[in-house]
Amino acid sequence: MKSFGFKLLFRKNGKEVNRMAVTTPRNYGNAVERNRTKRIIREVYRNIKVHFLCNGYDFLFIVYKKNLEYKDTFLELFSICRKAGIVNDSE
């Protein structure tokens, strides 16, 4: 699934847990920018996974957008996961 500034690749992994990775393009910025972005994405994923995501998937988040803020990132990643059909709506 693709959204403004993000791309989500996912597939079933045959396990009862989710696995996640974050990557950025080579020309994204310096190490400080890349690491800050990855920390924000990991924190958003951690909060989304606890309450909303289905289990048994591998996720790869590719980030193109710079200067991320937590609130905007949360809304964007949640909408991508919902479009992909991996959000558990029963809660």
N, C-alpha and C. Protein backbone atom coordinates (compact mmCIF):
# COMPACT_ATOMS: atom_id res chain seq x y z
N MET A 1 0.86 -1.17 0.00
CA MET A 1 0.00 0.00 0.00
C MET A 1 0.89 1.22 0.00
N LYS A 2 0.43 2.25 -0.68
CA LYS A 2 1.21 3.47 -0.79
C LYS A 2 0.37 4.63 -0.31
N SER A 3 1.02 5.56 0.36
CA SER A 3 0.38 6.76 0.84
C SER A 3 1.38 7.89 0.68
N PHE A 4 0.96 9.09 0.97
CA PHE A 4 1.85 10.24 0.84
C PHE A 4 3.02 10.11 1.80
N GLY A 5 4.19 9.85 1.28
CA GLY A 5 5.38 9.79 2.09
C GLY A 5 5.73 8.43 2.65
N PHE A 6 4.86 7.44 2.51
CA PHE A 6 5.10 6.12 3.07
C PHE A 6 4.71 5.05 2.07
N LYS A 7 5.35 3.90 2.22
CA LYS A 7 4.93 2.71 1.49
C LYS A 7 4.96 1.55 2.48
N LEU A 8 3.95 0.71 2.45
CA LEU A 8 3.86 -0.44 3.34
C LEU A 8 3.84 -1.70 2.50
N LEU A 9 4.79 -2.57 2.76
CA LEU A 9 4.81 -3.91 2.17
C LEU A 9 4.56 -4.89 3.30
N PHE A 10 3.69 -5.87 3.06
CA PHE A 10 3.38 -6.82 4.11
C PHE A 10 3.03 -8.16 3.51
N ARG A 11 3.17 -9.21 4.33
CA ARG A 11 2.77 -10.55 3.94
C ARG A 11 2.62 -11.40 5.20
N LYS A 12 1.84 -12.45 5.08
CA LYS A 12 1.67 -13.38 6.21
C LYS A 12 2.99 -14.11 6.44
N ASN A 13 3.30 -14.31 7.73
CA ASN A 13 4.55 -14.98 8.05
C ASN A 13 4.36 -16.37 8.65
N GLY A 14 3.11 -16.81 8.84
CA GLY A 14 2.86 -18.14 9.37
C GLY A 14 3.14 -18.29 10.85
N LYS A 15 3.34 -17.19 11.54
CA LYS A 15 3.60 -17.22 12.98
C LYS A 15 2.50 -16.45 13.69
N GLU A 16 2.52 -16.47 15.00
CA GLU A 16 1.50 -15.75 15.75
C GLU A 16 1.95 -14.36 16.18
N VAL A 17 3.10 -13.93 15.70
CA VAL A 17 3.62 -12.60 16.04
C VAL A 17 3.86 -11.80 14.77
N ASN A 18 3.88 -10.50 14.93
CA ASN A 18 4.22 -9.61 13.83
C ASN A 18 5.70 -9.27 13.90
N ARG A 19 6.28 -9.05 12.72
CA ARG A 19 7.66 -8.56 12.65
C ARG A 19 7.63 -7.30 11.80
N MET A 20 8.53 -6.36 12.11
CA MET A 20 8.48 -5.06 11.45
C MET A 20 9.89 -4.56 11.16
N ALA A 21 10.04 -3.88 10.03
CA ALA A 21 11.29 -3.22 9.68
C ALA A 21 10.96 -1.86 9.08
N VAL A 22 11.89 -0.93 9.24
CA VAL A 22 11.73 0.42 8.69
C VAL A 22 12.97 0.71 7.86
N THR A 23 12.77 1.30 6.70
CA THR A 23 13.90 1.69 5.87
C THR A 23 13.62 3.03 5.23
N THR A 24 14.68 3.69 4.84
CA THR A 24 14.59 4.98 4.14
C THR A 24 15.47 4.91 2.90
N PRO A 25 15.18 5.73 1.90
CA PRO A 25 16.04 5.75 0.71
C PRO A 25 17.44 6.25 1.06
N ARG A 26 18.37 5.94 0.24
CA ARG A 26 19.76 6.33 0.48
C ARG A 26 19.94 7.84 0.58
N ASN A 27 19.19 8.59 -0.18
CA ASN A 27 19.35 10.05 -0.20
C ASN A 27 18.41 10.75 0.78
N TYR A 28 17.95 10.08 1.81
CA TYR A 28 16.96 10.63 2.74
C TYR A 28 17.51 11.79 3.55
N GLY A 29 18.72 11.75 3.95
CA GLY A 29 19.31 12.80 4.78
C GLY A 29 20.50 12.22 5.51
N ASN A 30 20.92 12.93 6.56
CA ASN A 30 22.05 12.41 7.32
C ASN A 30 21.57 11.36 8.32
N ALA A 31 22.50 10.77 9.05
CA ALA A 31 22.18 9.67 9.97
C ALA A 31 21.22 10.11 11.07
N VAL A 32 21.35 11.33 11.53
CA VAL A 32 20.48 11.83 12.59
C VAL A 32 19.02 11.87 12.12
N GLU A 33 18.79 12.36 10.91
CA GLU A 33 17.43 12.41 10.36
C GLU A 33 16.85 11.01 10.15
N ARG A 34 17.66 10.12 9.59
CA ARG A 34 17.19 8.75 9.35
C ARG A 34 16.84 8.04 10.65
N ASN A 35 17.70 8.16 11.64
CA ASN A 35 17.44 7.48 12.91
C ASN A 35 16.24 8.07 13.64
N ARG A 36 16.06 9.39 13.61
CA ARG A 36 14.89 10.01 14.24
C ARG A 36 13.61 9.52 13.58
N THR A 37 13.62 9.46 12.26
CA THR A 37 12.45 8.97 11.53
C THR A 37 12.14 7.53 11.89
N LYS A 38 13.15 6.70 11.95
CA LYS A 38 12.94 5.30 12.30
C LYS A 38 12.40 5.14 13.71
N ARG A 39 12.89 5.96 14.65
CA ARG A 39 12.38 5.90 16.03
C ARG A 39 10.91 6.27 16.08
N ILE A 40 10.52 7.30 15.35
CA ILE A 40 9.12 7.73 15.33
C ILE A 40 8.24 6.63 14.74
N ILE A 41 8.66 6.04 13.63
CA ILE A 41 7.88 4.98 12.98
C ILE A 41 7.75 3.77 13.92
N ARG A 42 8.83 3.39 14.58
CA ARG A 42 8.78 2.26 15.51
C ARG A 42 7.82 2.52 16.67
N GLU A 43 7.84 3.74 17.19
CA GLU A 43 6.94 4.08 18.30
C GLU A 43 5.49 4.08 17.84
N VAL A 44 5.20 4.62 16.68
CA VAL A 44 3.84 4.61 16.14
C VAL A 44 3.39 3.18 15.91
N TYR A 45 4.24 2.36 15.32
CA TYR A 45 3.90 0.95 15.07
C TYR A 45 3.60 0.24 16.39
N ARG A 46 4.42 0.49 17.41
CA ARG A 46 4.23 -0.16 18.71
C ARG A 46 2.86 0.19 19.28
N ASN A 47 2.44 1.43 19.15
CA ASN A 47 1.14 1.85 19.67
C ASN A 47 -0.03 1.32 18.82
N ILE A 48 0.15 1.23 17.53
CA ILE A 48 -0.91 0.71 16.67
C ILE A 48 -1.05 -0.80 16.85
N LYS A 49 0.06 -1.50 16.95
CA LYS A 49 0.03 -2.96 17.01
C LYS A 49 -0.68 -3.47 18.25
N VAL A 50 -0.53 -2.79 19.36
CA VAL A 50 -1.11 -3.26 20.62
C VAL A 50 -2.63 -3.35 20.53
N HIS A 51 -3.26 -2.38 19.89
CA HIS A 51 -4.72 -2.30 19.92
C HIS A 51 -5.40 -2.64 18.60
N PHE A 52 -4.70 -2.53 17.47
CA PHE A 52 -5.41 -2.56 16.21
C PHE A 52 -4.98 -3.61 15.19
N LEU A 53 -3.72 -4.00 15.14
CA LEU A 53 -3.24 -4.84 14.05
C LEU A 53 -3.53 -6.33 14.27
N CYS A 54 -3.80 -7.02 13.16
CA CYS A 54 -3.95 -8.47 13.18
C CYS A 54 -2.57 -9.09 13.35
N ASN A 55 -2.52 -10.27 13.92
CA ASN A 55 -1.24 -10.96 14.15
C ASN A 55 -0.88 -11.84 12.97
N GLY A 56 0.43 -12.13 12.84
CA GLY A 56 0.90 -13.07 11.84
C GLY A 56 1.37 -12.44 10.55
N TYR A 57 1.91 -11.22 10.61
CA TYR A 57 2.36 -10.52 9.40
C TYR A 57 3.79 -10.02 9.57
N ASP A 58 4.47 -9.89 8.44
CA ASP A 58 5.75 -9.18 8.36
C ASP A 58 5.46 -7.84 7.70
N PHE A 59 5.98 -6.76 8.26
CA PHE A 59 5.75 -5.42 7.74
C PHE A 59 7.07 -4.78 7.37
N LEU A 60 7.08 -4.06 6.25
CA LEU A 60 8.21 -3.23 5.87
C LEU A 60 7.66 -1.85 5.56
N PHE A 61 8.08 -0.87 6.34
CA PHE A 61 7.69 0.52 6.12
C PHE A 61 8.83 1.22 5.41
N ILE A 62 8.55 1.77 4.24
CA ILE A 62 9.53 2.56 3.50
C ILE A 62 9.08 4.02 3.62
N VAL A 63 9.96 4.86 4.14
CA VAL A 63 9.61 6.24 4.47
C VAL A 63 10.30 7.18 3.49
N TYR A 64 9.51 8.05 2.86
CA TYR A 64 10.05 9.04 1.94
C TYR A 64 9.90 10.46 2.47
N LYS A 65 8.99 10.66 3.39
CA LYS A 65 8.65 11.99 3.89
C LYS A 65 9.59 12.38 5.03
N LYS A 66 10.11 13.60 4.98
CA LYS A 66 11.01 14.09 6.03
C LYS A 66 10.24 14.92 7.05
N ASN A 67 10.91 15.20 8.16
CA ASN A 67 10.37 16.04 9.23
C ASN A 67 9.05 15.50 9.76
N LEU A 68 9.05 14.27 10.17
CA LEU A 68 7.84 13.63 10.67
C LEU A 68 7.50 14.11 12.08
N GLU A 69 6.22 14.24 12.34
CA GLU A 69 5.71 14.50 13.67
C GLU A 69 4.88 13.29 14.07
N TYR A 70 4.82 13.00 15.35
CA TYR A 70 4.18 11.79 15.84
C TYR A 70 2.71 11.71 15.43
N LYS A 71 1.95 12.76 15.67
CA LYS A 71 0.50 12.73 15.42
C LYS A 71 0.18 12.46 13.95
N ASP A 72 0.84 13.19 13.06
CA ASP A 72 0.60 13.02 11.63
C ASP A 72 1.01 11.62 11.17
N THR A 73 2.13 11.14 11.69
CA THR A 73 2.61 9.82 11.32
C THR A 73 1.65 8.74 11.80
N PHE A 74 1.14 8.87 13.01
CA PHE A 74 0.18 7.90 13.54
C PHE A 74 -1.04 7.81 12.63
N LEU A 75 -1.61 8.95 12.27
CA LEU A 75 -2.81 8.95 11.43
C LEU A 75 -2.52 8.36 10.05
N GLU A 76 -1.38 8.70 9.50
CA GLU A 76 -1.03 8.21 8.16
C GLU A 76 -0.80 6.71 8.15
N LEU A 77 -0.03 6.21 9.11
CA LEU A 77 0.24 4.77 9.15
C LEU A 77 -1.00 3.96 9.49
N PHE A 78 -1.85 4.50 10.37
CA PHE A 78 -3.09 3.81 10.68
C PHE A 78 -3.98 3.71 9.44
N SER A 79 -4.04 4.79 8.66
CA SER A 79 -4.88 4.76 7.46
C SER A 79 -4.30 3.79 6.42
N ILE A 80 -2.98 3.69 6.31
CA ILE A 80 -2.38 2.74 5.38
C ILE A 80 -2.72 1.31 5.80
N CYS A 81 -2.61 1.03 7.09
CA CYS A 81 -2.92 -0.32 7.59
C CYS A 81 -4.40 -0.65 7.39
N ARG A 82 -5.25 0.33 7.58
CA ARG A 82 -6.69 0.10 7.38
C ARG A 82 -6.97 -0.18 5.90
N LYS A 83 -6.35 0.58 4.99
CA LYS A 83 -6.53 0.34 3.56
C LYS A 83 -6.06 -1.06 3.17
N ALA A 84 -4.99 -1.52 3.82
CA ALA A 84 -4.43 -2.84 3.52
C ALA A 84 -5.30 -3.96 4.06
N GLY A 85 -6.22 -3.65 4.97
CA GLY A 85 -7.10 -4.66 5.52
C GLY A 85 -6.48 -5.48 6.64
N ILE A 86 -5.48 -4.93 7.30
CA ILE A 86 -4.82 -5.66 8.38
C ILE A 86 -5.14 -5.08 9.75
N VAL A 87 -6.14 -4.22 9.81
CA VAL A 87 -6.57 -3.64 11.08
C VAL A 87 -7.70 -4.49 11.63
N ASN A 88 -7.59 -4.86 12.89
CA ASN A 88 -8.60 -5.65 13.57
C ASN A 88 -9.67 -4.69 14.09
N ASP A 89 -10.82 -4.64 13.42
CA ASP A 89 -11.88 -3.68 13.78
C ASP A 89 -12.75 -4.15 14.93
N SER A 90 -12.49 -5.32 15.49
CA SER A 90 -13.35 -5.84 16.53
C SER A 90 -13.16 -5.13 17.87
N GLU A 91 -12.06 -4.39 18.06
CA GLU A 91 -11.83 -3.70 19.33
C GLU A 91 -12.34 -2.29 19.29
